[in-house]
C-alpha atoms as a PDB file:
ATOM      1  CA  MET A   1       0.000   0.000   0.000  1.00  0.00           C
ATOM      2  CA  ALA A   2       1.373   3.375  -0.983  1.00  0.00           C
ATOM      3  CA  ALA A   3       1.888   5.947   1.743  1.00  0.00           C
ATOM      4  CA  LYS A   4      -0.739   8.676   1.830  1.00  0.00           C
ATOM      5  CA  THR A   5       0.236  12.293   2.193  1.00  0.00           C
ATOM      6  CA  TRP A   6      -1.691  15.352   3.284  1.00  0.00           C
ATOM      7  CA  GLU A   7      -1.678  18.486   1.182  1.00  0.00           C
ATOM      8  CA  ILE A   8      -1.951  21.826   2.964  1.00  0.00           C
ATOM      9  CA  LYS A   9      -3.811  23.393   0.026  1.00  0.00           C
ATOM     10  CA  VAL A  10      -6.899  21.269   0.713  1.00  0.00           C
ATOM     11  CA  LEU A  11      -7.319  22.861   4.151  1.00  0.00           C
ATOM     12  CA  ASP A  12      -8.476  26.250   2.778  1.00  0.00           C
ATOM     13  CA  CYS A  13      -6.755  28.255   5.512  1.00  0.00           C
ATOM     14  CA  GLN A  14      -4.405  31.198   5.755  1.00  0.00           C
ATOM     15  CA  ILE A  15      -1.657  29.940   8.064  1.00  0.00           C
ATOM     16  CA  VAL A  16      -0.544  26.570   9.386  1.00  0.00           C
ATOM     17  CA  TRP A  17       1.673  26.954  12.453  1.00  0.00           C
ATOM     18  CA  SER A  18       3.627  23.944  13.675  1.00  0.00           C
ATOM     19  CA  VAL A  19       5.102  24.084  17.170  1.00  0.00           C
ATOM     20  CA  GLU A  20       7.731  21.504  18.000  1.00  0.00           C
ATOM     21  CA  THR A  21       9.040  20.786  21.490  1.00  0.00           C
ATOM     22  CA  ASN A  22      11.771  18.472  20.204  1.00  0.00           C
ATOM     23  CA  GLU A  23      14.727  20.318  18.626  1.00  0.00           C
ATOM     24  CA  LEU A  24      15.405  17.553  16.098  1.00  0.00           C
ATOM     25  CA  PHE A  25      11.779  17.527  14.926  1.00  0.00           C
ATOM     26  CA  TYR A  26      11.902  21.329  14.672  1.00  0.00           C
ATOM     27  CA  HIS A  27      14.924  21.212  12.369  1.00  0.00           C
ATOM     28  CA  ILE A  28      13.307  18.500  10.233  1.00  0.00           C
ATOM     29  CA  SER A  29      10.045  20.477  10.008  1.00  0.00           C
ATOM     30  CA  LEU A  30      11.895  23.695   9.200  1.00  0.00           C
ATOM     31  CA  ALA A  31      13.857  21.982   6.422  1.00  0.00           C
ATOM     32  CA  LYS A  32      10.627  20.616   4.927  1.00  0.00           C
ATOM     33  CA  VAL A  33       8.879  24.012   5.102  1.00  0.00           C
ATOM     34  CA  ASN A  34      11.867  25.661   3.409  1.00  0.00           C
ATOM     35  CA  GLN A  35      11.789  22.981   0.717  1.00  0.00           C
ATOM     36  CA  VAL A  36       8.039  23.369   0.080  1.00  0.00           C
ATOM     37  CA  LYS A  37       8.257  27.206   0.058  1.00  0.00           C
ATOM     38  CA  ASP A  38       4.626  27.709   1.060  1.00  0.00           C
ATOM     39  CA  PRO A  39       4.269  31.136   2.754  1.00  0.00           C
ATOM     40  CA  ARG A  40       1.289  29.891   4.794  1.00  0.00           C
ATOM     41  CA  LEU A  41       3.507  27.523   6.801  1.00  0.00           C
ATOM     42  CA  ARG A  42       5.188  28.582  10.047  1.00  0.00           C
ATOM     43  CA  VAL A  43       7.398  26.428  12.237  1.00  0.00           C
ATOM     44  CA  ALA A  44       8.390  27.344  15.777  1.00  0.00           C
ATOM     45  CA  TRP A  45      10.403  25.687  18.510  1.00  0.00           C
ATOM     46  CA  ASN A  46       9.405  26.066  22.137  1.00  0.00           C
ATOM     47  CA  ARG A  47      10.760  24.258  25.155  1.00  0.00           C
ATOM     48  CA  HIS A  48       7.190  23.596  26.346  1.00  0.00           C
ATOM     49  CA  LEU A  49       3.758  23.976  24.806  1.00  0.00           C
ATOM     50  CA  ASP A  50       2.941  26.458  27.586  1.00  0.00           C
ATOM     51  CA  SER A  51       5.532  28.913  26.231  1.00  0.00           C
ATOM     52  CA  ALA A  52       4.015  28.678  22.739  1.00  0.00           C
ATOM     53  CA  ILE A  53       0.547  29.352  24.146  1.00  0.00           C
ATOM     54  CA  ASP A  54       1.902  32.298  26.154  1.00  0.00           C
ATOM     55  CA  TYR A  55       3.417  33.737  22.959  1.00  0.00           C
ATOM     56  CA  TRP A  56       0.137  33.325  21.050  1.00  0.00           C
ATOM     57  CA  MET A  57      -1.833  34.978  23.858  1.00  0.00           C
ATOM     58  CA  ASP A  58       0.640  37.875  24.231  1.00  0.00           C
ATOM     59  CA  SER A  59       0.599  38.545  20.480  1.00  0.00           C
ATOM     60  CA  GLY A  60      -3.194  38.373  20.261  1.00  0.00           C
ATOM     61  CA  SER A  61      -3.149  35.430  17.860  1.00  0.00           C
ATOM     62  CA  ARG A  62      -6.438  33.883  16.813  1.00  0.00           C
ATOM     63  CA  PHE A  63      -6.969  30.482  15.261  1.00  0.00           C
ATOM     64  CA  ASP A  64      -9.736  28.802  13.326  1.00  0.00           C
ATOM     65  CA  ALA A  65      -8.515  25.320  14.192  1.00  0.00           C
ATOM     66  CA  PHE A  66      -6.151  23.488  16.493  1.00  0.00           C
ATOM     67  CA  VAL A  67      -4.842  20.202  15.112  1.00  0.00           C
ATOM     68  CA  ALA A  68      -2.626  18.030  17.282  1.00  0.00           C
ATOM     69  CA  THR A  69      -0.962  14.815  16.233  1.00  0.00           C
ATOM     70  CA  GLU A  70       0.257  12.544  19.022  1.00  0.00           C
ATOM     71  CA  PHE A  71      -0.186  15.545  21.316  1.00  0.00           C
ATOM     72  CA  PHE A  72      -0.979  13.842  24.606  1.00  0.00           C
ATOM     73  CA  ALA A  73       1.297  10.884  23.890  1.00  0.00           C
ATOM     74  CA  HIS A  74       4.432  13.017  23.954  1.00  0.00           C
ATOM     75  CA  GLN A  75       3.670  15.877  26.344  1.00  0.00           C
ATOM     76  CA  SER A  76       4.906  15.296  29.873  1.00  0.00           C
ATOM     77  CA  ASN A  77       3.948  18.741  31.180  1.00  0.00           C
ATOM     78  CA  ILE A  78       0.539  19.864  29.901  1.00  0.00           C
ATOM     79  CA  ALA A  79      -0.980  22.927  31.515  1.00  0.00           C
ATOM     80  CA  PRO A  80      -3.832  21.872  33.812  1.00  0.00           C
ATOM     81  CA  ASN A  81      -6.010  24.593  32.324  1.00  0.00           C
ATOM     82  CA  PHE A  82      -5.201  23.720  28.712  1.00  0.00           C
ATOM     83  CA  GLN A  83      -8.835  23.653  27.553  1.00  0.00           C
ATOM     84  CA  GLN A  84      -9.442  27.085  29.094  1.00  0.00           C
ATOM     85  CA  THR A  85      -6.375  28.411  27.287  1.00  0.00           C
ATOM     86  CA  VAL A  86      -7.569  26.941  23.988  1.00  0.00           C
ATOM     87  CA  ASP A  87     -10.948  28.587  24.562  1.00  0.00           C
ATOM     88  CA  LYS A  88      -9.246  31.963  25.128  1.00  0.00           C
ATOM     89  CA  LEU A  89      -7.461  31.574  21.789  1.00  0.00           C
ATOM     90  CA  ASN A  90     -10.893  31.209  20.130  1.00  0.00           C
ATOM     91  CA  VAL A  91     -10.012  27.874  18.592  1.00  0.00           C
ATOM     92  CA  TRP A  92     -12.499  25.496  17.086  1.00  0.00           C
ATOM     93  CA  ASN A  93     -11.804  21.931  18.097  1.00  0.00           C
ATOM     94  CA  HIS A  94     -11.919  19.647  15.086  1.00  0.00           C
ATOM     95  CA  GLN A  95     -11.307  15.952  14.832  1.00  0.00           C
ATOM     96  CA  PHE A  96      -9.788  14.824  11.567  1.00  0.00           C
ATOM     97  CA  THR A  97      -9.971  11.188  10.574  1.00  0.00           C
ATOM     98  CA  HIS A  98      -7.936   9.383   8.001  1.00  0.00           C
ATOM     99  CA  ASP A  99      -9.404   6.268   6.424  1.00  0.00           C
ATOM    100  CA  ASP A 100      -6.930   3.806   4.922  1.00  0.00           C
END
């Protein structure tokens, strides 16, 4: 079975912002974004998700969607009020499924 890939252009959105907490994953993501050259893509590195959320809140960022892959599996320090923070960012919570 051939591997399936996701294309950002099907999402019909302005900006896709990827936050990595692992430095190696950040460098890999940054290299891929530079290769694709899509101005809608942003990649950031933060030591913890909390610092990324603080940055978004301080800069007045607003989001239409929050998509997390393997989010809870790899986060050892999730803010206890994470849902409240997401609500403050005016994020819609979507679940995306992928049928093989």
